[in-house]
Amino acid sequence: MEKETPVRGSGLGKNHSLSVENRSRAVLTGVSEVLGFDENQVSLMTENGEIALTGEGLHVTRLMLEEGQLAVEGKIDGVFYTQRTRRRGLFGRKDP
């Protein structure tokens, strides 16, 4: 019997990756939700918690939530992880 292994980079698994190239492009995998974005910050959720990218002139160049992928371009000056996991909806239940 074959064992199933989680697929790296899938928005459905627990793994995620972050690659920053020359502080001008970031590629993330394992993204389950985009919480918000503007030219100074992109906030997103992974199964491991929230990630915020900060900078100037940021814009999302690729978003494929089915595959858990996101690409951002602009001047990236910070990456912040939080312990907060998926947000809870009304009456404490998890949002779908």
PDB file of N, CA and C in Angstrom:
ATOM      1  N   MET A   1       0.838  -1.172   0.000  1.00  0.00           N
ATOM      2  CA  MET A   1       0.000   0.000   0.000  1.00  0.00           C
ATOM      3  C   MET A   1       0.886   1.239   0.000  1.00  0.00           C
ATOM      4  N   GLU A   2       0.591   2.171  -0.913  1.00  0.00           N
ATOM      5  CA  GLU A   2       1.387   3.390  -1.003  1.00  0.00           C
ATOM      6  C   GLU A   2       0.921   4.406   0.019  1.00  0.00           C
ATOM      7  N   LYS A   3       1.882   5.102   0.568  1.00  0.00           N
ATOM      8  CA  LYS A   3       1.604   6.165   1.526  1.00  0.00           C
ATOM      9  C   LYS A   3       1.397   7.481   0.796  1.00  0.00           C
ATOM     10  N   GLU A   4       0.355   8.228   1.169  1.00  0.00           N
ATOM     11  CA  GLU A   4       0.156   9.547   0.570  1.00  0.00           C
ATOM     12  C   GLU A   4       1.041  10.552   1.281  1.00  0.00           C
ATOM     13  N   THR A   5       1.674  11.410   0.503  1.00  0.00           N
ATOM     14  CA  THR A   5       2.500  12.462   1.081  1.00  0.00           C
ATOM     15  C   THR A   5       1.939  13.808   0.676  1.00  0.00           C
ATOM     16  N   PRO A   6       2.009  14.814   1.561  1.00  0.00           N
ATOM     17  CA  PRO A   6       1.503  16.135   1.185  1.00  0.00           C
ATOM     18  C   PRO A   6       2.318  16.715   0.036  1.00  0.00           C
ATOM     19  N   VAL A   7       1.644  17.438  -0.820  1.00  0.00           N
ATOM     20  CA  VAL A   7       2.302  18.070  -1.959  1.00  0.00           C
ATOM     21  C   VAL A   7       2.853  19.405  -1.518  1.00  0.00           C
ATOM     22  N   ARG A   8       4.155  19.609  -1.673  1.00  0.00           N
ATOM     23  CA  ARG A   8       4.754  20.902  -1.336  1.00  0.00           C
ATOM     24  C   ARG A   8       4.197  21.975  -2.235  1.00  0.00           C
ATOM     25  N   GLY A   9       3.920  23.144  -1.635  1.00  0.00           N
ATOM     26  CA  GLY A   9       3.438  24.258  -2.418  1.00  0.00           C
ATOM     27  C   GLY A   9       1.941  24.250  -2.627  1.00  0.00           C
ATOM     28  N   SER A  10       1.267  23.219  -2.203  1.00  0.00           N
ATOM     29  CA  SER A  10      -0.180  23.185  -2.365  1.00  0.00           C
ATOM     30  C   SER A  10      -0.832  24.002  -1.278  1.00  0.00           C
ATOM     31  N   GLY A  11      -1.839  24.771  -1.626  1.00  0.00           N
ATOM     32  CA  GLY A  11      -2.577  25.553  -0.659  1.00  0.00           C
ATOM     33  C   GLY A  11      -3.318  24.672   0.320  1.00  0.00           C
ATOM     34  N   LEU A  12      -3.464  23.373  -0.002  1.00  0.00           N
ATOM     35  CA  LEU A  12      -4.194  22.466   0.860  1.00  0.00           C
ATOM     36  C   LEU A  12      -3.310  21.793   1.895  1.00  0.00           C
ATOM     37  N   GLY A  13      -2.000  21.792   1.709  1.00  0.00           N
ATOM     38  CA  GLY A  13      -1.097  21.141   2.638  1.00  0.00           C
ATOM     39  C   GLY A  13      -0.647  22.076   3.738  1.00  0.00           C
ATOM     40  N   LYS A  14       0.261  21.603   4.568  1.00  0.00           N
ATOM     41  CA  LYS A  14       0.762  22.411   5.666  1.00  0.00           C
ATOM     42  C   LYS A  14       2.047  23.149   5.312  1.00  0.00           C
ATOM     43  N   ASN A  15       2.664  22.822   4.197  1.00  0.00           N
ATOM     44  CA  ASN A  15       3.940  23.413   3.817  1.00  0.00           C
ATOM     45  C   ASN A  15       3.747  24.702   3.039  1.00  0.00           C
ATOM     46  N   HIS A  16       4.709  25.593   3.177  1.00  0.00           N
ATOM     47  CA  HIS A  16       4.731  26.781   2.327  1.00  0.00           C
ATOM     48  C   HIS A  16       6.187  27.151   2.080  1.00  0.00           C
ATOM     49  N   SER A  17       6.397  27.937   1.040  1.00  0.00           N
ATOM     50  CA  SER A  17       7.744  28.419   0.774  1.00  0.00           C
ATOM     51  C   SER A  17       7.671  29.883   0.383  1.00  0.00           C
ATOM     52  N   LEU A  18       8.787  30.567   0.587  1.00  0.00           N
ATOM     53  CA  LEU A  18       8.907  31.978   0.250  1.00  0.00           C
ATOM     54  C   LEU A  18      10.267  32.189  -0.389  1.00  0.00           C
ATOM     55  N   SER A  19      10.261  32.792  -1.562  1.00  0.00           N
ATOM     56  CA  SER A  19      11.501  33.105  -2.256  1.00  0.00           C
ATOM     57  C   SER A  19      11.483  34.591  -2.596  1.00  0.00           C
ATOM     58  N   VAL A  20      12.530  35.310  -2.211  1.00  0.00           N
ATOM     59  CA  VAL A  20      12.634  36.731  -2.516  1.00  0.00           C
ATOM     60  C   VAL A  20      13.840  36.928  -3.407  1.00  0.00           C
ATOM     61  N   GLU A  21      13.621  37.565  -4.546  1.00  0.00           N
ATOM     62  CA  GLU A  21      14.690  37.814  -5.512  1.00  0.00           C
ATOM     63  C   GLU A  21      15.018  39.300  -5.540  1.00  0.00           C
ATOM     64  N   ASN A  22      16.232  39.642  -5.159  1.00  0.00           N
ATOM     65  CA  ASN A  22      16.736  41.016  -5.218  1.00  0.00           C
ATOM     66  C   ASN A  22      15.823  42.044  -4.546  1.00  0.00           C
ATOM     67  N   ARG A  23      15.097  41.619  -3.553  1.00  0.00           N
ATOM     68  CA  ARG A  23      14.162  42.497  -2.821  1.00  0.00           C
ATOM     69  C   ARG A  23      13.150  43.176  -3.738  1.00  0.00           C
ATOM     70  N   SER A  24      12.943  42.627  -4.943  1.00  0.00           N
ATOM     71  CA  SER A  24      11.992  43.240  -5.872  1.00  0.00           C
ATOM     72  C   SER A  24      10.906  42.270  -6.328  1.00  0.00           C
ATOM     73  N   ARG A  25      11.038  40.992  -6.001  1.00  0.00           N
ATOM     74  CA  ARG A  25      10.033  39.996  -6.382  1.00  0.00           C
ATOM     75  C   ARG A  25       9.987  38.913  -5.316  1.00  0.00           C
ATOM     76  N   ALA A  26       8.777  38.556  -4.910  1.00  0.00           N
ATOM     77  CA  ALA A  26       8.587  37.467  -3.947  1.00  0.00           C
ATOM     78  C   ALA A  26       7.614  36.464  -4.543  1.00  0.00           C
ATOM     79  N   VAL A  27       7.930  35.189  -4.380  1.00  0.00           N
ATOM     80  CA  VAL A  27       7.049  34.110  -4.822  1.00  0.00           C
ATOM     81  C   VAL A  27       6.768  33.247  -3.603  1.00  0.00           C
ATOM     82  N   LEU A  28       5.481  33.028  -3.337  1.00  0.00           N
ATOM     83  CA  LEU A  28       5.071  32.232  -2.192  1.00  0.00           C
ATOM     84  C   LEU A  28       4.223  31.062  -2.650  1.00  0.00           C
ATOM     85  N   THR A  29       4.379  29.926  -1.980  1.00  0.00           N
ATOM     86  CA  THR A  29       3.507  28.776  -2.196  1.00  0.00           C
ATOM     87  C   THR A  29       2.886  28.402  -0.864  1.00  0.00           C
ATOM     88  N   GLY A  30       1.835  27.620  -0.901  1.00  0.00           N
ATOM     89  CA  GLY A  30       1.138  27.225   0.315  1.00  0.00           C
ATOM     90  C   GLY A  30       0.177  28.287   0.806  1.00  0.00           C
ATOM     91  N   VAL A  31      -0.177  29.232  -0.044  1.00  0.00           N
ATOM     92  CA  VAL A  31      -1.089  30.320   0.325  1.00  0.00           C
ATOM     93  C   VAL A  31      -2.520  29.796   0.290  1.00  0.00           C
ATOM     94  N   SER A  32      -3.267  30.002   1.379  1.00  0.00           N
ATOM     95  CA  SER A  32      -4.651  29.551   1.415  1.00  0.00           C
ATOM     96  C   SER A  32      -5.641  30.699   1.258  1.00  0.00           C
ATOM     97  N   GLU A  33      -5.201  31.931   1.535  1.00  0.00           N
ATOM     98  CA  GLU A  33      -6.115  33.071   1.482  1.00  0.00           C
ATOM     99  C   GLU A  33      -5.319  34.369   1.421  1.00  0.00           C
ATOM    100  N   VAL A  34      -5.804  35.336   0.659  1.00  0.00           N
ATOM    101  CA  VAL A  34      -5.224  36.680   0.662  1.00  0.00           C
ATOM    102  C   VAL A  34      -6.120  37.528   1.554  1.00  0.00           C
ATOM    103  N   LEU A  35      -5.549  38.080   2.616  1.00  0.00           N
ATOM    104  CA  LEU A  35      -6.324  38.858   3.581  1.00  0.00           C
ATOM    105  C   LEU A  35      -6.498  40.301   3.140  1.00  0.00           C
ATOM    106  N   GLY A  36      -5.538  40.829   2.391  1.00  0.00           N
ATOM    107  CA  GLY A  36      -5.630  42.191   1.908  1.00  0.00           C
ATOM    108  C   GLY A  36      -4.317  42.613   1.286  1.00  0.00           C
ATOM    109  N   PHE A  37      -4.393  43.656   0.455  1.00  0.00           N
ATOM    110  CA  PHE A  37      -3.153  44.165  -0.130  1.00  0.00           C
ATOM    111  C   PHE A  37      -3.353  45.593  -0.603  1.00  0.00           C
ATOM    112  N   ASP A  38      -2.270  46.342  -0.554  1.00  0.00           N
ATOM    113  CA  ASP A  38      -2.197  47.670  -1.145  1.00  0.00           C
ATOM    114  C   ASP A  38      -0.747  47.879  -1.552  1.00  0.00           C
ATOM    115  N   GLU A  39      -0.380  49.085  -1.934  1.00  0.00           N
ATOM    116  CA  GLU A  39       0.980  49.292  -2.444  1.00  0.00           C
ATOM    117  C   GLU A  39       2.059  49.202  -1.373  1.00  0.00           C
ATOM    118  N   ASN A  40       1.660  49.165  -0.075  1.00  0.00           N
ATOM    119  CA  ASN A  40       2.633  49.101   1.010  1.00  0.00           C
ATOM    120  C   ASN A  40       2.657  47.778   1.770  1.00  0.00           C
ATOM    121  N   GLN A  41       1.628  46.929   1.580  1.00  0.00           N
ATOM    122  CA  GLN A  41       1.588  45.673   2.328  1.00  0.00           C
ATOM    123  C   GLN A  41       0.706  44.650   1.630  1.00  0.00           C
ATOM    124  N   VAL A  42       1.147  43.387   1.659  1.00  0.00           N
ATOM    125  CA  VAL A  42       0.359  42.255   1.192  1.00  0.00           C
ATOM    126  C   VAL A  42       0.266  41.297   2.372  1.00  0.00           C
ATOM    127  N   SER A  43      -0.955  41.004   2.822  1.00  0.00           N
ATOM    128  CA  SER A  43      -1.180  40.089   3.943  1.00  0.00           C
ATOM    129  C   SER A  43      -1.862  38.841   3.427  1.00  0.00           C
ATOM    130  N   LEU A  44      -1.330  37.696   3.825  1.00  0.00           N
ATOM    131  CA  LEU A  44      -1.902  36.436   3.357  1.00  0.00           C
ATOM    132  C   LEU A  44      -1.848  35.396   4.452  1.00  0.00           C
ATOM    133  N   MET A  45      -2.616  34.334   4.258  1.00  0.00           N
ATOM    134  CA  MET A  45      -2.709  33.266   5.241  1.00  0.00           C
ATOM    135  C   MET A  45      -2.192  31.974   4.629  1.00  0.00           C
ATOM    136  N   THR A  46      -1.413  31.253   5.436  1.00  0.00           N
ATOM    137  CA  THR A  46      -1.013  29.895   5.100  1.00  0.00           C
ATOM    138  C   THR A  46      -1.552  29.013   6.217  1.00  0.00           C
ATOM    139  N   GLU A  47      -1.447  27.723   6.069  1.00  0.00           N
ATOM    140  CA  GLU A  47      -1.893  26.820   7.133  1.00  0.00           C
ATOM    141  C   GLU A  47      -1.028  26.970   8.383  1.00  0.00           C
ATOM    142  N   ASN A  48       0.159  27.561   8.237  1.00  0.00           N
ATOM    143  CA  ASN A  48       1.056  27.774   9.373  1.00  0.00           C
ATOM    144  C   ASN A  48       0.897  29.136  10.011  1.00  0.00           C
ATOM    145  N   GLY A  49       0.023  29.983   9.487  1.00  0.00           N
ATOM    146  CA  GLY A  49      -0.190  31.300  10.057  1.00  0.00           C
ATOM    147  C   GLY A  49      -0.130  32.394   9.012  1.00  0.00           C
ATOM    148  N   GLU A  50      -0.200  33.619   9.489  1.00  0.00           N
ATOM    149  CA  GLU A  50      -0.262  34.785   8.616  1.00  0.00           C
ATOM    150  C   GLU A  50       1.143  35.274   8.254  1.00  0.00           C
ATOM    151  N   ILE A  51       1.273  35.764   7.015  1.00  0.00           N
ATOM    152  CA  ILE A  51       2.512  36.372   6.533  1.00  0.00           C
ATOM    153  C   ILE A  51       2.157  37.737   5.975  1.00  0.00           C
ATOM    154  N   ALA A  52       2.965  38.740   6.291  1.00  0.00           N
ATOM    155  CA  ALA A  52       2.794  40.077   5.725  1.00  0.00           C
ATOM    156  C   ALA A  52       4.093  40.479   5.042  1.00  0.00           C
ATOM    157  N   LEU A  53       3.980  40.901   3.792  1.00  0.00           N
ATOM    158  CA  LEU A  53       5.105  41.473   3.058  1.00  0.00           C
ATOM    159  C   LEU A  53       4.908  42.980   3.059  1.00  0.00           C
ATOM    160  N   THR A  54       5.946  43.727   3.388  1.00  0.00           N
ATOM    161  CA  THR A  54       5.831  45.184   3.391  1.00  0.00           C
ATOM    162  C   THR A  54       6.840  45.778   2.421  1.00  0.00           C
ATOM    163  N   GLY A  55       6.536  47.001   1.974  1.00  0.00           N
ATOM    164  CA  GLY A  55       7.441  47.668   1.048  1.00  0.00           C
ATOM    165  C   GLY A  55       6.780  48.852   0.387  1.00  0.00           C
ATOM    166  N   GLU A  56       7.228  49.150  -0.821  1.00  0.00           N
ATOM    167  CA  GLU A  56       6.701  50.276  -1.594  1.00  0.00           C
ATOM    168  C   GLU A  56       6.392  49.812  -3.003  1.00  0.00           C
ATOM    169  N   GLY A  57       5.297  50.319  -3.560  1.00  0.00           N
ATOM    170  CA  GLY A  57       4.928  49.981  -4.930  1.00  0.00           C
ATOM    171  C   GLY A  57       4.644  48.510  -5.135  1.00  0.00           C
ATOM    172  N   LEU A  58       4.140  47.834  -4.108  1.00  0.00           N
ATOM    173  CA  LEU A  58       3.868  46.404  -4.218  1.00  0.00           C
ATOM    174  C   LEU A  58       2.631  46.154  -5.060  1.00  0.00           C
ATOM    175  N   HIS A  59       2.700  45.148  -5.906  1.00  0.00           N
ATOM    176  CA  HIS A  59       1.524  44.716  -6.641  1.00  0.00           C
ATOM    177  C   HIS A  59       1.602  43.208  -6.868  1.00  0.00           C
ATOM    178  N   VAL A  60       0.441  42.580  -6.801  1.00  0.00           N
ATOM    179  CA  VAL A  60       0.333  41.139  -6.992  1.00  0.00           C
ATOM    180  C   VAL A  60       0.362  40.875  -8.496  1.00  0.00           C
ATOM    181  N   THR A  61       1.343  40.099  -8.938  1.00  0.00           N
ATOM    182  CA  THR A  61       1.472  39.812 -10.364  1.00  0.00           C
ATOM    183  C   THR A  61       0.912  38.449 -10.740  1.00  0.00           C
ATOM    184  N   ARG A  62       0.778  37.562  -9.744  1.00  0.00           N
ATOM    185  CA  ARG A  62       0.193  36.240 -10.000  1.00  0.00           C
ATOM    186  C   ARG A  62      -0.505  35.777  -8.740  1.00  0.00           C
ATOM    187  N   LEU A  63      -1.729  35.291  -8.904  1.00  0.00           N
ATOM    188  CA  LEU A  63      -2.485  34.737  -7.794  1.00  0.00           C
ATOM    189  C   LEU A  63      -3.245  33.530  -8.297  1.00  0.00           C
ATOM    190  N   MET A  64      -2.884  32.364  -7.788  1.00  0.00           N
ATOM    191  CA  MET A  64      -3.562  31.121  -8.139  1.00  0.00           C
ATOM    192  C   MET A  64      -3.834  30.377  -6.838  1.00  0.00           C
ATOM    193  N   LEU A  65      -4.948  30.719  -6.181  1.00  0.00           N
ATOM    194  CA  LEU A  65      -5.249  30.129  -4.881  1.00  0.00           C
ATOM    195  C   LEU A  65      -5.495  28.628  -4.964  1.00  0.00           C
ATOM    196  N   GLU A  66      -6.016  28.146  -6.100  1.00  0.00           N
ATOM    197  CA  GLU A  66      -6.236  26.705  -6.240  1.00  0.00           C
ATOM    198  C   GLU A  66      -4.926  25.937  -6.080  1.00  0.00           C
ATOM    199  N   GLU A  67      -3.835  26.535  -6.547  1.00  0.00           N
ATOM    200  CA  GLU A  67      -2.504  25.924  -6.414  1.00  0.00           C
ATOM    201  C   GLU A  67      -1.743  26.479  -5.220  1.00  0.00           C
ATOM    202  N   GLY A  68      -2.319  27.482  -4.548  1.00  0.00           N
ATOM    203  CA  GLY A  68      -1.657  28.065  -3.389  1.00  0.00           C
ATOM    204  C   GLY A  68      -0.492  28.968  -3.735  1.00  0.00           C
ATOM    205  N   GLN A  69      -0.489  29.596  -4.916  1.00  0.00           N
ATOM    206  CA  GLN A  69       0.654  30.395  -5.365  1.00  0.00           C
ATOM    207  C   GLN A  69       0.325  31.876  -5.447  1.00  0.00           C
ATOM    208  N   LEU A  70       1.318  32.687  -5.091  1.00  0.00           N
ATOM    209  CA  LEU A  70       1.189  34.139  -5.150  1.00  0.00           C
ATOM    210  C   LEU A  70       2.550  34.720  -5.504  1.00  0.00           C
ATOM    211  N   ALA A  71       2.569  35.727  -6.389  1.00  0.00           N
ATOM    212  CA  ALA A  71       3.800  36.443  -6.722  1.00  0.00           C
ATOM    213  C   ALA A  71       3.548  37.934  -6.535  1.00  0.00           C
ATOM    214  N   VAL A  72       4.525  38.613  -5.953  1.00  0.00           N
ATOM    215  CA  VAL A  72       4.433  40.043  -5.676  1.00  0.00           C
ATOM    216  C   VAL A  72       5.683  40.710  -6.228  1.00  0.00           C
ATOM    217  N   GLU A  73       5.500  41.890  -6.847  1.00  0.00           N
ATOM    218  CA  GLU A  73       6.638  42.677  -7.314  1.00  0.00           C
ATOM    219  C   GLU A  73       6.559  44.069  -6.726  1.00  0.00           C
ATOM    220  N   GLY A  74       7.712  44.714  -6.589  1.00  0.00           N
ATOM    221  CA  GLY A  74       7.835  46.036  -6.001  1.00  0.00           C
ATOM    222  C   GLY A  74       9.066  46.061  -5.114  1.00  0.00           C
ATOM    223  N   LYS A  75       9.224  47.097  -4.315  1.00  0.00           N
ATOM    224  CA  LYS A  75      10.357  47.186  -3.391  1.00  0.00           C
ATOM    225  C   LYS A  75       9.947  46.520  -2.076  1.00  0.00           C
ATOM    226  N   ILE A  76      10.500  45.344  -1.814  1.00  0.00           N
ATOM    227  CA  ILE A  76      10.160  44.564  -0.617  1.00  0.00           C
ATOM    228  C   ILE A  76      11.163  44.897   0.474  1.00  0.00           C
ATOM    229  N   ASP A  77      10.656  45.378   1.619  1.00  0.00           N
ATOM    230  CA  ASP A  77      11.580  45.699   2.709  1.00  0.00           C
ATOM    231  C   ASP A  77      11.304  44.928   3.991  1.00  0.00           C
ATOM    232  N   GLY A  78      10.279  44.075   4.005  1.00  0.00           N
ATOM    233  CA  GLY A  78      10.035  43.292   5.206  1.00  0.00           C
ATOM    234  C   GLY A  78       9.134  42.101   4.964  1.00  0.00           C
ATOM    235  N   VAL A  79       9.387  41.037   5.737  1.00  0.00           N
ATOM    236  CA  VAL A  79       8.553  39.846   5.749  1.00  0.00           C
ATOM    237  C   VAL A  79       8.286  39.540   7.208  1.00  0.00           C
ATOM    238  N   PHE A  80       7.005  39.475   7.573  1.00  0.00           N
ATOM    239  CA  PHE A  80       6.637  39.257   8.965  1.00  0.00           C
ATOM    240  C   PHE A  80       5.711  38.057   9.080  1.00  0.00           C
ATOM    241  N   TYR A  81       6.046  37.161  10.001  1.00  0.00           N
ATOM    242  CA  TYR A  81       5.213  36.003  10.311  1.00  0.00           C
ATOM    243  C   TYR A  81       4.503  36.267  11.627  1.00  0.00           C
ATOM    244  N   THR A  82       3.259  35.816  11.734  1.00  0.00           N
ATOM    245  CA  THR A  82       2.559  35.875  13.011  1.00  0.00           C
ATOM    246  C   THR A  82       2.107  34.468  13.376  1.00  0.00           C
ATOM    247  N   GLN A  83       1.752  34.275  14.613  1.00  0.00           N
ATOM    248  CA  GLN A  83       1.264  32.985  15.074  1.00  0.00           C
ATOM    249  C   GLN A  83      -0.220  32.802  14.809  1.00  0.00           C
ATOM    250  N   ARG A  84      -0.884  33.880  14.409  1.00  0.00           N
ATOM    251  CA  ARG A  84      -2.322  33.795  14.185  1.00  0.00           C
ATOM    252  C   ARG A  84      -2.597  32.822  13.052  1.00  0.00           C
ATOM    253  N   THR A  85      -3.497  31.881  13.302  1.00  0.00           N
ATOM    254  CA  THR A  85      -3.908  30.944  12.267  1.00  0.00           C
ATOM    255  C   THR A  85      -5.212  31.438  11.666  1.00  0.00           C
ATOM    256  N   ARG A  86      -5.891  30.593  10.921  1.00  0.00           N
ATOM    257  CA  ARG A  86      -7.110  31.018  10.233  1.00  0.00           C
ATOM    258  C   ARG A  86      -8.028  31.800  11.147  1.00  0.00           C
ATOM    259  N   ARG A  87      -8.607  32.847  10.592  1.00  0.00           N
ATOM    260  CA  ARG A  87      -9.524  33.686  11.349  1.00  0.00           C
ATOM    261  C   ARG A  87     -10.777  32.912  11.703  1.00  0.00           C
ATOM    262  N   ARG A  88     -11.326  33.233  12.840  1.00  0.00           N
ATOM    263  CA  ARG A  88     -12.574  32.599  13.250  1.00  0.00           C
ATOM    264  C   ARG A  88     -13.727  33.508  12.887  1.00  0.00           C
ATOM    265  N   GLY A  89     -14.779  32.897  12.384  1.00  0.00           N
ATOM    266  CA  GLY A  89     -15.967  33.650  11.991  1.00  0.00           C
ATOM    267  C   GLY A  89     -16.881  33.910  13.173  1.00  0.00           C
ATOM    268  N   LEU A  90     -18.079  34.256  12.875  1.00  0.00           N
ATOM    269  CA  LEU A  90     -19.101  34.536  13.864  1.00  0.00           C
ATOM    270  C   LEU A  90     -19.281  33.342  14.795  1.00  0.00           C
ATOM    271  N   PHE A  91     -19.389  33.589  16.076  1.00  0.00           N
ATOM    272  CA  PHE A  91     -19.593  32.568  17.102  1.00  0.00           C
ATOM    273  C   PHE A  91     -18.431  31.589  17.226  1.00  0.00           C
ATOM    274  N   GLY A  92     -17.253  32.004  16.830  1.00  0.00           N
ATOM    275  CA  GLY A  92     -16.049  31.214  17.074  1.00  0.00           C
ATOM    276  C   GLY A  92     -15.815  30.064  16.123  1.00  0.00           C
ATOM    277  N   ARG A  93     -16.653  29.882  15.117  1.00  0.00           N
ATOM    278  CA  ARG A  93     -16.374  28.792  14.185  1.00  0.00           C
ATOM    279  C   ARG A  93     -15.381  29.250  13.130  1.00  0.00           C
ATOM    280  N   LYS A  94     -14.643  28.306  12.605  1.00  0.00           N
ATOM    281  CA  LYS A  94     -13.669  28.642  11.581  1.00  0.00           C
ATOM    282  C   LYS A  94     -14.374  29.010  10.296  1.00  0.00           C
ATOM    283  N   ASP A  95     -13.822  30.019   9.604  1.00  0.00           N
ATOM    284  CA  ASP A  95     -14.334  30.373   8.289  1.00  0.00           C
ATOM    285  C   ASP A  95     -14.024  29.225   7.338  1.00  0.00           C
ATOM    286  N   PRO A  96     -14.902  28.965   6.371  1.00  0.00           N
ATOM    287  CA  PRO A  96     -14.608  27.883   5.416  1.00  0.00           C
ATOM    288  C   PRO A  96     -13.424  28.193   4.538  1.00  0.00           C
TER     289      PRO A  96
END
